C-alpha cells in the first residue's frame, strides 16, 4: 500500500480503503509473506533498472493507472474512468508550463459532467 504521488487521489484513497477493509475482514486474501517480499524486490529491481532512486517509491509515475486498476480489480470495482485518466495526463503535461491554469481543459468537461450525472 502506498500513498501515491502524481495520482488521482480521492478515487485511489477510496480503492485503497476498500482493499484494506477487504483484507482485514478476510474477503480479500493476501499473498504469502514470501510472495509479498518477492513483489517488493521486483519493484525495487525495476526502479533500479530504470535509474530511479528508492526515494521515488511513492511516485508511481506512468504506473499510477496500473496500480489503480490493480486495486479496482481486487476490490471488485470498476476501473477509474478513461476520461479521468486523460484529464490527469493532460494536466500533468501542462502543470510546469501553466501552473495557474493547468487544470483548464475545454475538451473533456462535458464527458466528466455526463459521468458525474450518473451518480446524482
PDB file of N, CA and C in Angstrom:
ATOM      1  N   UNK A   1       0.854  -1.158   0.000  1.00  0.00           N
ATOM      2  CA  UNK A   1       0.000   0.000   0.000  1.00  0.00           C
ATOM      3  C   UNK A   1       0.903   1.223   0.000  1.00  0.00           C
ATOM      4  N   UNK A   2       0.645   2.136  -0.899  1.00  0.00           N
ATOM      5  CA  UNK A   2       1.430   3.363  -0.984  1.00  0.00           C
ATOM      6  C   UNK A   2       0.502   4.562  -1.003  1.00  0.00           C
ATOM      7  N   UNK A   3       1.017   5.682  -0.622  1.00  0.00           N
ATOM      8  CA  UNK A   3       0.332   6.944  -0.825  1.00  0.00           C
ATOM      9  C   UNK A   3       0.964   7.504  -2.095  1.00  0.00           C
ATOM     10  N   UNK A   4       0.332   7.262  -3.229  1.00  0.00           N
ATOM     11  CA  UNK A   4       0.974   7.621  -4.488  1.00  0.00           C
ATOM     12  C   UNK A   4       1.012   9.117  -4.733  1.00  0.00           C
ATOM     13  N   UNK A   5       2.126   9.553  -5.279  1.00  0.00           N
ATOM     14  CA  UNK A   5       2.250  10.923  -5.751  1.00  0.00           C
ATOM     15  C   UNK A   5       1.819  10.947  -7.206  1.00  0.00           C
ATOM     16  N   UNK A   6       1.417  12.089  -7.683  1.00  0.00           N
ATOM     17  CA  UNK A   6       1.041  12.267  -9.084  1.00  0.00           C
ATOM     18  C   UNK A   6      -0.062  11.299  -9.505  1.00  0.00           C
ATOM     19  N   UNK A   7      -1.048  11.130  -8.636  1.00  0.00           N
ATOM     20  CA  UNK A   7      -2.169  10.239  -8.935  1.00  0.00           C
ATOM     21  C   UNK A   7      -3.463  11.034  -8.794  1.00  0.00           C
ATOM     22  N   UNK A   8      -4.567  10.397  -9.096  1.00  0.00           N
ATOM     23  CA  UNK A   8      -5.876  10.999  -8.873  1.00  0.00           C
ATOM     24  C   UNK A   8      -6.249  10.588  -7.450  1.00  0.00           C
ATOM     25  N   UNK A   9      -6.043  11.451  -6.455  1.00  0.00           N
ATOM     26  CA  UNK A   9      -6.000  10.994  -5.069  1.00  0.00           C
ATOM     27  C   UNK A   9      -7.272  10.389  -4.502  1.00  0.00           C
ATOM     28  N   UNK A  10      -8.422  11.024  -4.633  1.00  0.00           N
ATOM     29  CA  UNK A  10      -9.579  10.521  -3.912  1.00  0.00           C
ATOM     30  C   UNK A  10     -10.084   9.172  -4.416  1.00  0.00           C
ATOM     31  N   UNK A  11     -10.162   8.931  -5.715  1.00  0.00           N
ATOM     32  CA  UNK A  11     -10.517   7.574  -6.143  1.00  0.00           C
ATOM     33  C   UNK A  11      -9.503   6.530  -5.665  1.00  0.00           C
ATOM     34  N   UNK A  12      -8.222   6.896  -5.629  1.00  0.00           N
ATOM     35  CA  UNK A  12      -7.199   5.957  -5.145  1.00  0.00           C
ATOM     36  C   UNK A  12      -7.405   5.691  -3.664  1.00  0.00           C
ATOM     37  N   UNK A  13      -7.656   6.743  -2.877  1.00  0.00           N
ATOM     38  CA  UNK A  13      -7.879   6.556  -1.447  1.00  0.00           C
ATOM     39  C   UNK A  13      -9.088   5.659  -1.205  1.00  0.00           C
ATOM     40  N   UNK A  14     -10.136   5.847  -1.993  1.00  0.00           N
ATOM     41  CA  UNK A  14     -11.327   5.022  -1.835  1.00  0.00           C
ATOM     42  C   UNK A  14     -11.011   3.556  -2.146  1.00  0.00           C
ATOM     43  N   UNK A  15     -10.295   3.315  -3.236  1.00  0.00           N
ATOM     44  CA  UNK A  15      -9.926   1.944  -3.583  1.00  0.00           C
ATOM     45  C   UNK A  15      -9.013   1.337  -2.518  1.00  0.00           C
ATOM     46  N   UNK A  16      -8.047   2.108  -2.036  1.00  0.00           N
ATOM     47  CA  UNK A  16      -7.141   1.601  -1.013  1.00  0.00           C
ATOM     48  C   UNK A  16      -7.905   1.251   0.263  1.00  0.00           C
ATOM     49  N   UNK A  17      -8.827   2.103   0.674  1.00  0.00           N
ATOM     50  CA  UNK A  17      -9.573   1.824   1.901  1.00  0.00           C
ATOM     51  C   UNK A  17     -10.461   0.593   1.739  1.00  0.00           C
ATOM     52  N   UNK A  18     -11.036   0.405   0.558  1.00  0.00           N
ATOM     53  CA  UNK A  18     -11.827  -0.812   0.303  1.00  0.00           C
ATOM     54  C   UNK A  18     -10.940  -2.053   0.345  1.00  0.00           C
ATOM     55  N   UNK A  19      -9.741  -1.919  -0.217  1.00  0.00           N
ATOM     56  CA  UNK A  19      -8.821  -3.055  -0.233  1.00  0.00           C
ATOM     57  C   UNK A  19      -8.392  -3.413   1.185  1.00  0.00           C
ATOM     58  N   UNK A  20      -8.056  -2.421   1.995  1.00  0.00           N
ATOM     59  CA  UNK A  20      -7.657  -2.672   3.386  1.00  0.00           C
ATOM     60  C   UNK A  20      -8.815  -3.290   4.154  1.00  0.00           C
ATOM     61  N   UNK A  21     -10.026  -2.735   4.007  1.00  0.00           N
ATOM     62  CA  UNK A  21     -11.191  -3.281   4.701  1.00  0.00           C
ATOM     63  C   UNK A  21     -11.441  -4.723   4.274  1.00  0.00           C
ATOM     64  N   UNK A  22     -11.293  -4.996   2.973  1.00  0.00           N
ATOM     65  CA  UNK A  22     -11.482  -6.366   2.489  1.00  0.00           C
ATOM     66  C   UNK A  22     -10.439  -7.315   3.045  1.00  0.00           C
ATOM     67  N   UNK A  23      -9.203  -6.855   3.139  1.00  0.00           N
ATOM     68  CA  UNK A  23      -8.141  -7.700   3.695  1.00  0.00           C
ATOM     69  C   UNK A  23      -8.374  -7.945   5.180  1.00  0.00           C
ATOM     70  N   UNK A  24      -8.757  -6.909   5.928  1.00  0.00           N
ATOM     71  CA  UNK A  24      -8.984  -7.065   7.363  1.00  0.00           C
ATOM     72  C   UNK A  24     -10.196  -7.949   7.660  1.00  0.00           C
ATOM     73  N   UNK A  25     -11.207  -7.889   6.799  1.00  0.00           N
ATOM     74  CA  UNK A  25     -12.415  -8.694   7.022  1.00  0.00           C
ATOM     75  C   UNK A  25     -12.273 -10.125   6.514  1.00  0.00           C
ATOM     76  N   UNK A  26     -11.203 -10.393   5.759  1.00  0.00           N
ATOM     77  CA  UNK A  26     -10.998 -11.734   5.218  1.00  0.00           C
ATOM     78  C   UNK A  26     -11.623 -11.947   3.849  1.00  0.00           C
ATOM     79  N   UNK A  27     -12.304 -10.943   3.291  1.00  0.00           N
ATOM     80  CA  UNK A  27     -12.895 -11.085   1.961  1.00  0.00           C
ATOM     81  C   UNK A  27     -11.835 -11.083   0.873  1.00  0.00           C
ATOM     82  N   UNK A  28     -10.717 -10.402   1.146  1.00  0.00           N
ATOM     83  CA  UNK A  28      -9.607 -10.351   0.193  1.00  0.00           C
ATOM     84  C   UNK A  28      -8.442 -11.093   0.821  1.00  0.00           C
ATOM     85  N   UNK A  29      -7.976 -12.101   0.125  1.00  0.00           N
ATOM     86  CA  UNK A  29      -6.871 -12.907   0.640  1.00  0.00           C
ATOM     87  C   UNK A  29      -5.541 -12.281   0.248  1.00  0.00           C
ATOM     88  N   UNK A  30      -4.688 -12.097   1.222  1.00  0.00           N
ATOM     89  CA  UNK A  30      -3.369 -11.540   0.965  1.00  0.00           C
ATOM     90  C   UNK A  30      -2.432 -12.624   0.461  1.00  0.00           C
ATOM     91  N   UNK A  31      -1.453 -12.242  -0.334  1.00  0.00           N
ATOM     92  CA  UNK A  31      -0.431 -13.207  -0.742  1.00  0.00           C
ATOM     93  C   UNK A  31       0.396 -13.614   0.479  1.00  0.00           C
ATOM     94  N   UNK A  32       1.144 -14.666   0.343  1.00  0.00           N
ATOM     95  CA  UNK A  32       2.017 -15.095   1.444  1.00  0.00           C
ATOM     96  C   UNK A  32       3.092 -14.031   1.664  1.00  0.00           C
ATOM     97  N   UNK A  33       3.691 -13.998   2.857  1.00  0.00           N
ATOM     98  CA  UNK A  33       4.785 -13.049   3.102  1.00  0.00           C
ATOM     99  C   UNK A  33       5.918 -13.209   2.087  1.00  0.00           C
ATOM    100  N   UNK A  34       6.189 -14.439   1.687  1.00  0.00           N
ATOM    101  CA  UNK A  34       7.250 -14.675   0.701  1.00  0.00           C
ATOM    102  C   UNK A  34       6.903 -14.027  -0.639  1.00  0.00           C
ATOM    103  N   UNK A  35       5.646 -14.184  -1.076  1.00  0.00           N
ATOM    104  CA  UNK A  35       5.206 -13.579  -2.335  1.00  0.00           C
ATOM    105  C   UNK A  35       5.281 -12.052  -2.260  1.00  0.00           C
ATOM    106  N   UNK A  36       4.890 -11.501  -1.107  1.00  0.00           N
ATOM    107  CA  UNK A  36       4.940 -10.047  -0.948  1.00  0.00           C
ATOM    108  C   UNK A  36       6.383  -9.550  -1.029  1.00  0.00           C
ATOM    109  N   UNK A  37       7.297 -10.260  -0.387  1.00  0.00           N
ATOM    110  CA  UNK A  37       8.703  -9.840  -0.419  1.00  0.00           C
ATOM    111  C   UNK A  37       9.277  -9.955  -1.834  1.00  0.00           C
ATOM    112  N   UNK A  38       8.864 -10.975  -2.575  1.00  0.00           N
ATOM    113  CA  UNK A  38       9.298 -11.105  -3.967  1.00  0.00           C
ATOM    114  C   UNK A  38       8.777  -9.930  -4.804  1.00  0.00           C
ATOM    115  N   UNK A  39       7.529  -9.523  -4.564  1.00  0.00           N
ATOM    116  CA  UNK A  39       6.965  -8.367  -5.278  1.00  0.00           C
ATOM    117  C   UNK A  39       7.731  -7.089  -4.950  1.00  0.00           C
ATOM    118  N   UNK A  40       8.066  -6.907  -3.675  1.00  0.00           N
ATOM    119  CA  UNK A  40       8.821  -5.719  -3.268  1.00  0.00           C
ATOM    120  C   UNK A  40      10.189  -5.725  -3.942  1.00  0.00           C
ATOM    121  N   UNK A  41      10.853  -6.876  -3.911  1.00  0.00           N
ATOM    122  CA  UNK A  41      12.177  -6.980  -4.539  1.00  0.00           C
ATOM    123  C   UNK A  41      12.087  -6.699  -6.038  1.00  0.00           C
ATOM    124  N   UNK A  42      11.054  -7.220  -6.703  1.00  0.00           N
ATOM    125  CA  UNK A  42      10.881  -6.991  -8.134  1.00  0.00           C
ATOM    126  C   UNK A  42      10.613  -5.510  -8.417  1.00  0.00           C
ATOM    127  N   UNK A  43       9.823  -4.872  -7.564  1.00  0.00           N
ATOM    128  CA  UNK A  43       9.514  -3.451  -7.727  1.00  0.00           C
ATOM    129  C   UNK A  43      10.789  -2.617  -7.656  1.00  0.00           C
ATOM    130  N   UNK A  44      11.605  -2.869  -6.620  1.00  0.00           N
ATOM    131  CA  UNK A  44      12.842  -2.088  -6.475  1.00  0.00           C
ATOM    132  C   UNK A  44      13.861  -2.433  -7.551  1.00  0.00           C
ATOM    133  N   UNK A  45      13.865  -3.658  -7.993  1.00  0.00           N
ATOM    134  CA  UNK A  45      14.761  -4.042  -9.084  1.00  0.00           C
ATOM    135  C   UNK A  45      14.388  -3.291 -10.361  1.00  0.00           C
ATOM    136  N   UNK A  46      13.090  -3.185 -10.620  1.00  0.00           N
ATOM    137  CA  UNK A  46      12.619  -2.449 -11.794  1.00  0.00           C
ATOM    138  C   UNK A  46      12.968  -0.968 -11.680  1.00  0.00           C
ATOM    139  N   UNK A  47      12.796  -0.400 -10.484  1.00  0.00           N
ATOM    140  CA  UNK A  47      13.166   1.001 -10.282  1.00  0.00           C
ATOM    141  C   UNK A  47      14.653   1.209 -10.552  1.00  0.00           C
ATOM    142  N   UNK A  48      15.473   0.306 -10.019  1.00  0.00           N
ATOM    143  CA  UNK A  48      16.918   0.415 -10.209  1.00  0.00           C
ATOM    144  C   UNK A  48      17.280   0.297 -11.687  1.00  0.00           C
ATOM    145  N   UNK A  49      16.626  -0.630 -12.393  1.00  0.00           N
ATOM    146  CA  UNK A  49      16.902  -0.827 -13.817  1.00  0.00           C
ATOM    147  C   UNK A  49      16.566   0.423 -14.635  1.00  0.00           C
ATOM    148  N   UNK A  50      15.600   1.201 -14.152  1.00  0.00           N
ATOM    149  CA  UNK A  50      15.205   2.429 -14.844  1.00  0.00           C
ATOM    150  C   UNK A  50      15.899   3.670 -14.273  1.00  0.00           C
ATOM    151  N   UNK A  51      16.877   3.455 -13.381  1.00  0.00           N
ATOM    152  CA  UNK A  51      17.636   4.570 -12.839  1.00  0.00           C
ATOM    153  C   UNK A  51      16.876   5.443 -11.865  1.00  0.00           C
ATOM    154  N   UNK A  52      15.861   4.880 -11.213  1.00  0.00           N
ATOM    155  CA  UNK A  52      15.054   5.652 -10.263  1.00  0.00           C
ATOM    156  C   UNK A  52      15.480   5.319  -8.837  1.00  0.00           C
ATOM    157  N   UNK A  53      15.881   6.315  -8.053  1.00  0.00           N
ATOM    158  CA  UNK A  53      16.277   6.051  -6.665  1.00  0.00           C
ATOM    159  C   UNK A  53      15.093   5.638  -5.807  1.00  0.00           C
ATOM    160  N   UNK A  54      15.370   4.933  -4.703  1.00  0.00           N
ATOM    161  CA  UNK A  54      14.303   4.448  -3.819  1.00  0.00           C
ATOM    162  C   UNK A  54      13.469   5.573  -3.222  1.00  0.00           C
ATOM    163  N   UNK A  55      14.027   6.770  -3.166  1.00  0.00           N
ATOM    164  CA  UNK A  55      13.249   7.873  -2.591  1.00  0.00           C
ATOM    165  C   UNK A  55      12.013   8.204  -3.434  1.00  0.00           C
ATOM    166  N   UNK A  56      11.948   7.666  -4.656  1.00  0.00           N
ATOM    167  CA  UNK A  56      10.785   7.870  -5.521  1.00  0.00           C
ATOM    168  C   UNK A  56       9.790   6.713  -5.454  1.00  0.00           C
ATOM    169  N   UNK A  57       9.844   5.936  -4.380  1.00  0.00           N
ATOM    170  CA  UNK A  57       8.964   4.780  -4.222  1.00  0.00           C
ATOM    171  C   UNK A  57       7.495   5.145  -4.406  1.00  0.00           C
ATOM    172  N   UNK A  58       7.063   6.275  -3.860  1.00  0.00           N
ATOM    173  CA  UNK A  58       5.652   6.645  -3.909  1.00  0.00           C
ATOM    174  C   UNK A  58       5.257   7.389  -5.177  1.00  0.00           C
ATOM    175  N   UNK A  59       6.220   7.725  -5.988  1.00  0.00           N
ATOM    176  CA  UNK A  59       5.917   8.378  -7.261  1.00  0.00           C
ATOM    177  C   UNK A  59       5.746   7.280  -8.305  1.00  0.00           C
ATOM    178  N   UNK A  60       4.527   6.883  -8.514  1.00  0.00           N
ATOM    179  CA  UNK A  60       4.251   5.781  -9.427  1.00  0.00           C
ATOM    180  C   UNK A  60       4.376   6.191 -10.888  1.00  0.00           C
ATOM    181  N   UNK A  61       4.396   7.502 -11.137  1.00  0.00           N
ATOM    182  CA  UNK A  61       4.590   7.988 -12.497  1.00  0.00           C
ATOM    183  C   UNK A  61       3.656   7.320 -13.488  1.00  0.00           C
ATOM    184  N   UNK A  62       4.229   6.716 -14.501  1.00  0.00           N
ATOM    185  CA  UNK A  62       3.439   6.081 -15.555  1.00  0.00           C
ATOM    186  C   UNK A  62       2.685   4.854 -15.058  1.00  0.00           C
ATOM    187  N   UNK A  63       3.067   4.321 -13.896  1.00  0.00           N
ATOM    188  CA  UNK A  63       2.420   3.104 -13.369  1.00  0.00           C
ATOM    189  C   UNK A  63       1.184   3.406 -12.532  1.00  0.00           C
ATOM    190  N   UNK A  64       0.858   4.671 -12.327  1.00  0.00           N
ATOM    191  CA  UNK A  64      -0.231   5.002 -11.424  1.00  0.00           C
ATOM    192  C   UNK A  64      -1.555   4.368 -11.847  1.00  0.00           C
ATOM    193  N   UNK A  65      -1.863   4.364 -13.127  1.00  0.00           N
ATOM    194  CA  UNK A  65      -3.133   3.788 -13.562  1.00  0.00           C
ATOM    195  C   UNK A  65      -3.103   2.268 -13.457  1.00  0.00           C
ATOM    196  N   UNK A  66      -1.953   1.690 -13.672  1.00  0.00           N
ATOM    197  CA  UNK A  66      -1.804   0.241 -13.495  1.00  0.00           C
ATOM    198  C   UNK A  66      -2.097  -0.133 -12.042  1.00  0.00           C
ATOM    199  N   UNK A  67      -1.574   0.644 -11.101  1.00  0.00           N
ATOM    200  CA  UNK A  67      -1.819   0.417  -9.673  1.00  0.00           C
ATOM    201  C   UNK A  67      -3.303   0.575  -9.350  1.00  0.00           C
ATOM    202  N   UNK A  68      -3.923   1.632  -9.849  1.00  0.00           N
ATOM    203  CA  UNK A  68      -5.337   1.877  -9.589  1.00  0.00           C
ATOM    204  C   UNK A  68      -6.200   0.750 -10.164  1.00  0.00           C
ATOM    205  N   UNK A  69      -5.886   0.302 -11.364  1.00  0.00           N
ATOM    206  CA  UNK A  69      -6.644  -0.795 -11.973  1.00  0.00           C
ATOM    207  C   UNK A  69      -6.455  -2.085 -11.177  1.00  0.00           C
ATOM    208  N   UNK A  70      -5.245  -2.308 -10.672  1.00  0.00           N
ATOM    209  CA  UNK A  70      -4.968  -3.483  -9.837  1.00  0.00           C
ATOM    210  C   UNK A  70      -5.841  -3.460  -8.588  1.00  0.00           C
ATOM    211  N   UNK A  71      -5.911  -2.292  -7.935  1.00  0.00           N
ATOM    212  CA  UNK A  71      -6.743  -2.161  -6.739  1.00  0.00           C
ATOM    213  C   UNK A  71      -8.218  -2.397  -7.075  1.00  0.00           C
ATOM    214  N   UNK A  72      -8.692  -1.779  -8.139  1.00  0.00           N
ATOM    215  CA  UNK A  72     -10.102  -1.920  -8.517  1.00  0.00           C
ATOM    216  C   UNK A  72     -10.458  -3.377  -8.787  1.00  0.00           C
ATOM    217  N   UNK A  73      -9.585  -4.071  -9.475  1.00  0.00           N
ATOM    218  CA  UNK A  73      -9.840  -5.480  -9.789  1.00  0.00           C
ATOM    219  C   UNK A  73      -9.959  -6.315  -8.517  1.00  0.00           C
ATOM    220  N   UNK A  74      -9.094  -6.079  -7.561  1.00  0.00           N
ATOM    221  CA  UNK A  74      -9.106  -6.856  -6.331  1.00  0.00           C
ATOM    222  C   UNK A  74     -10.265  -6.497  -5.409  1.00  0.00           C
ATOM    223  N   UNK A  75     -10.842  -5.313  -5.605  1.00  0.00           N
ATOM    224  CA  UNK A  75     -11.976  -4.879  -4.790  1.00  0.00           C
ATOM    225  C   UNK A  75     -13.307  -5.071  -5.504  1.00  0.00           C
ATOM    226  N   UNK A  76     -13.269  -5.697  -6.651  1.00  0.00           N
ATOM    227  CA  UNK A  76     -14.466  -5.937  -7.458  1.00  0.00           C
ATOM    228  C   UNK A  76     -15.180  -4.631  -7.776  1.00  0.00           C
ATOM    229  N   UNK A  77     -14.410  -3.637  -8.166  1.00  0.00           N
ATOM    230  CA  UNK A  77     -14.924  -2.324  -8.542  1.00  0.00           C
ATOM    231  C   UNK A  77     -14.555  -2.029  -9.980  1.00  0.00           C
ATOM    232  N   UNK A  78     -15.277  -1.064 -10.554  1.00  0.00           N
ATOM    233  CA  UNK A  78     -14.932  -0.624 -11.913  1.00  0.00           C
ATOM    234  C   UNK A  78     -13.631   0.153 -11.874  1.00  0.00           C
ATOM    235  N   UNK A  79     -12.906   0.068 -12.966  1.00  0.00           N
ATOM    236  CA  UNK A  79     -11.681   0.849 -13.078  1.00  0.00           C
ATOM    237  C   UNK A  79     -12.028   2.325 -13.151  1.00  0.00           C
ATOM    238  N   UNK A  80     -11.054   3.161 -12.841  1.00  0.00           N
ATOM    239  CA  UNK A  80     -11.254   4.605 -12.937  1.00  0.00           C
ATOM    240  C   UNK A  80     -11.549   4.948 -14.399  1.00  0.00           C
ATOM    241  N   UNK A  81     -12.529   5.817 -14.596  1.00  0.00           N
ATOM    242  CA  UNK A  81     -12.988   6.135 -15.939  1.00  0.00           C
ATOM    243  C   UNK A  81     -11.842   6.679 -16.803  1.00  0.00           C
ATOM    244  N   UNK A  82     -11.905   6.349 -18.066  1.00  0.00           N
ATOM    245  CA  UNK A  82     -10.851   6.747 -19.004  1.00  0.00           C
ATOM    246  C   UNK A  82     -10.721   8.264 -19.094  1.00  0.00           C
ATOM    247  N   UNK A  83     -11.844   8.980 -19.049  1.00  0.00           N
ATOM    248  CA  UNK A  83     -11.769  10.432 -19.165  1.00  0.00           C
ATOM    249  C   UNK A  83     -10.980  11.039 -18.011  1.00  0.00           C
ATOM    250  N   UNK A  84     -11.072  10.431 -16.810  1.00  0.00           N
ATOM    251  CA  UNK A  84     -10.293  10.938 -15.672  1.00  0.00           C
ATOM    252  C   UNK A  84      -8.800  10.772 -15.934  1.00  0.00           C
ATOM    253  N   UNK A  85      -8.447   9.633 -16.512  1.00  0.00           N
ATOM    254  CA  UNK A  85      -7.043   9.371 -16.819  1.00  0.00           C
ATOM    255  C   UNK A  85      -6.532  10.361 -17.867  1.00  0.00           C
ATOM    256  N   UNK A  86      -7.350  10.639 -18.877  1.00  0.00           N
ATOM    257  CA  UNK A  86      -6.957  11.567 -19.942  1.00  0.00           C
ATOM    258  C   UNK A  86      -6.764  12.968 -19.367  1.00  0.00           C
ATOM    259  N   UNK A  87      -7.702  13.417 -18.528  1.00  0.00           N
ATOM    260  CA  UNK A  87      -7.582  14.737 -17.911  1.00  0.00           C
ATOM    261  C   UNK A  87      -6.322  14.798 -17.046  1.00  0.00           C
ATOM    262  N   UNK A  88      -6.084  13.747 -16.275  1.00  0.00           N
ATOM    263  CA  UNK A  88      -4.911  13.720 -15.388  1.00  0.00           C
ATOM    264  C   UNK A  88      -3.609  13.826 -16.180  1.00  0.00           C
ATOM    265  N   UNK A  89      -3.481  13.027 -17.224  1.00  0.00           N
ATOM    266  CA  UNK A  89      -2.259  13.043 -18.039  1.00  0.00           C
ATOM    267  C   UNK A  89      -2.081  14.412 -18.704  1.00  0.00           C
ATOM    268  N   UNK A  90      -3.175  14.965 -19.224  1.00  0.00           N
ATOM    269  CA  UNK A  90      -3.091  16.272 -19.883  1.00  0.00           C
ATOM    270  C   UNK A  90      -2.694  17.357 -18.882  1.00  0.00           C
ATOM    271  N   UNK A  91      -3.279  17.325 -17.682  1.00  0.00           N
ATOM    272  CA  UNK A  91      -2.948  18.328 -16.670  1.00  0.00           C
ATOM    273  C   UNK A  91      -1.506  18.201 -16.214  1.00  0.00           C
ATOM    274  N   UNK A  92      -1.031  16.972 -16.042  1.00  0.00           N
ATOM    275  CA  UNK A  92       0.379  16.784 -15.649  1.00  0.00           C
ATOM    276  C   UNK A  92       1.319  17.362 -16.691  1.00  0.00           C
ATOM    277  N   UNK A  93       0.946  17.253 -17.954  1.00  0.00           N
ATOM    278  CA  UNK A  93       1.779  17.793 -19.017  1.00  0.00           C
ATOM    279  C   UNK A  93       1.802  19.318 -19.037  1.00  0.00           C
ATOM    280  N   UNK A  94       0.748  19.937 -18.490  1.00  0.00           N
ATOM    281  CA  UNK A  94       0.647  21.401 -18.513  1.00  0.00           C
ATOM    282  C   UNK A  94       1.118  22.076 -17.226  1.00  0.00           C
ATOM    283  N   UNK A  95       1.241  21.321 -16.143  1.00  0.00           N
ATOM    284  CA  UNK A  95       1.464  21.926 -14.830  1.00  0.00           C
ATOM    285  C   UNK A  95       2.717  22.793 -14.761  1.00  0.00           C
ATOM    286  N   UNK A  96       3.784  22.414 -15.420  1.00  0.00           N
ATOM    287  CA  UNK A  96       5.019  23.189 -15.355  1.00  0.00           C
ATOM    288  C   UNK A  96       4.970  24.428 -16.237  1.00  0.00           C
ATOM    289  N   UNK A  97       4.216  24.356 -17.321  1.00  0.00           N
ATOM    290  CA  UNK A  97       4.172  25.476 -18.259  1.00  0.00           C
ATOM    291  C   UNK A  97       3.104  26.504 -17.895  1.00  0.00           C
ATOM    292  N   UNK A  98       2.029  26.025 -17.271  1.00  0.00           N
ATOM    293  CA  UNK A  98       0.931  26.921 -16.913  1.00  0.00           C
ATOM    294  C   UNK A  98       0.432  26.601 -15.512  1.00  0.00           C
ATOM    295  N   UNK A  99       1.220  26.853 -14.479  1.00  0.00           N
ATOM    296  CA  UNK A  99       0.810  26.452 -13.132  1.00  0.00           C
ATOM    297  C   UNK A  99      -0.483  27.105 -12.658  1.00  0.00           C
ATOM    298  N   UNK A 100      -0.795  28.289 -13.174  1.00  0.00           N
ATOM    299  CA  UNK A 100      -2.007  28.976 -12.732  1.00  0.00           C
ATOM    300  C   UNK A 100      -3.263  28.468 -13.431  1.00  0.00           C
ATOM    301  N   UNK A 101      -3.132  27.763 -14.547  1.00  0.00           N
ATOM    302  CA  UNK A 101      -4.320  27.335 -15.290  1.00  0.00           C
ATOM    303  C   UNK A 101      -4.202  25.920 -15.847  1.00  0.00           C
ATOM    304  N   UNK A 102      -3.321  25.111 -15.280  1.00  0.00           N
ATOM    305  CA  UNK A 102      -3.112  23.774 -15.849  1.00  0.00           C
ATOM    306  C   UNK A 102      -4.349  22.893 -15.781  1.00  0.00           C
ATOM    307  N   UNK A 103      -5.270  23.200 -14.873  1.00  0.00           N
ATOM    308  CA  UNK A 103      -6.486  22.383 -14.751  1.00  0.00           C
ATOM    309  C   UNK A 103      -7.508  22.704 -15.840  1.00  0.00           C
ATOM    310  N   UNK A 104      -7.345  23.817 -16.490  1.00  0.00           N
ATOM    311  CA  UNK A 104      -8.309  24.239 -17.515  1.00  0.00           C
ATOM    312  C   UNK A 104      -8.206  23.335 -18.732  1.00  0.00           C
ATOM    313  N   UNK A 105      -9.325  22.841 -19.164  1.00  0.00           N
ATOM    314  CA  UNK A 105      -9.371  21.987 -20.346  1.00  0.00           C
ATOM    315  C   UNK A 105     -10.723  22.182 -20.990  1.00  0.00           C
ATOM    316  N   UNK A 106     -10.738  22.555 -22.230  1.00  0.00           N
ATOM    317  CA  UNK A 106     -12.014  22.828 -22.885  1.00  0.00           C
ATOM    318  C   UNK A 106     -12.566  21.634 -23.642  1.00  0.00           C
ATOM    319  N   UNK A 107     -11.927  20.481 -23.552  1.00  0.00           N
ATOM    320  CA  UNK A 107     -12.372  19.331 -24.326  1.00  0.00           C
ATOM    321  C   UNK A 107     -13.134  18.291 -23.495  1.00  0.00           C
ATOM    322  N   UNK A 108     -12.776  18.084 -22.250  1.00  0.00           N
ATOM    323  CA  UNK A 108     -13.307  16.954 -21.504  1.00  0.00           C
ATOM    324  C   UNK A 108     -14.359  17.256 -20.433  1.00  0.00           C
ATOM    325  N   UNK A 109     -14.639  18.494 -20.076  1.00  0.00           N
ATOM    326  CA  UNK A 109     -15.640  18.727 -19.027  1.00  0.00           C
ATOM    327  C   UNK A 109     -17.015  18.163 -19.332  1.00  0.00           C
ATOM    328  N   UNK A 110     -17.429  18.152 -20.590  1.00  0.00           N
ATOM    329  CA  UNK A 110     -18.744  17.597 -20.920  1.00  0.00           C
ATOM    330  C   UNK A 110     -18.816  16.115 -20.588  1.00  0.00           C
ATOM    331  N   UNK A 111     -17.768  15.371 -20.911  1.00  0.00           N
ATOM    332  CA  UNK A 111     -17.732  13.939 -20.583  1.00  0.00           C
ATOM    333  C   UNK A 111     -17.732  13.747 -19.066  1.00  0.00           C
ATOM    334  N   UNK A 112     -16.965  14.564 -18.376  1.00  0.00           N
ATOM    335  CA  UNK A 112     -16.915  14.487 -16.917  1.00  0.00           C
ATOM    336  C   UNK A 112     -18.298  14.754 -16.331  1.00  0.00           C
ATOM    337  N   UNK A 113     -18.988  15.762 -16.863  1.00  0.00           N
ATOM    338  CA  UNK A 113     -20.325  16.091 -16.369  1.00  0.00           C
ATOM    339  C   UNK A 113     -21.302  14.939 -16.601  1.00  0.00           C
ATOM    340  N   UNK A 114     -21.248  14.308 -17.770  1.00  0.00           N
ATOM    341  CA  UNK A 114     -22.145  13.183 -18.051  1.00  0.00           C
ATOM    342  C   UNK A 114     -21.877  12.013 -17.102  1.00  0.00           C
ATOM    343  N   UNK A 115     -20.596  11.724 -16.860  1.00  0.00           N
ATOM    344  CA  UNK A 115     -20.270  10.633 -15.951  1.00  0.00           C
ATOM    345  C   UNK A 115     -20.687  10.954 -14.528  1.00  0.00           C
ATOM    346  N   UNK A 116     -20.490  12.184 -14.094  1.00  0.00           N
ATOM    347  CA  UNK A 116     -20.876  12.582 -12.749  1.00  0.00           C
ATOM    348  C   UNK A 116     -22.391  12.521 -12.584  1.00  0.00           C
ATOM    349  N   UNK A 117     -23.138  12.869 -13.619  1.00  0.00           N
ATOM    350  CA  UNK A 117     -24.597  12.864 -13.553  1.00  0.00           C
ATOM    351  C   UNK A 117     -25.151  11.474 -13.237  1.00  0.00           C
ATOM    352  N   UNK A 118     -24.418  10.426 -13.564  1.00  0.00           N
ATOM    353  CA  UNK A 118     -24.866   9.062 -13.259  1.00  0.00           C
ATOM    354  C   UNK A 118     -24.972   8.828 -11.763  1.00  0.00           C
ATOM    355  N   UNK A 119     -24.230   9.597 -10.987  1.00  0.00           N
ATOM    356  CA  UNK A 119     -24.201   9.387  -9.536  1.00  0.00           C
ATOM    357  C   UNK A 119     -25.111  10.347  -8.764  1.00  0.00           C
ATOM    358  N   UNK A 120     -25.714  11.267  -9.462  1.00  0.00           N
ATOM    359  CA  UNK A 120     -26.584  12.248  -8.785  1.00  0.00           C
ATOM    360  C   UNK A 120     -28.017  11.814  -8.756  1.00  0.00           C
TER     361      UNK A 120
END
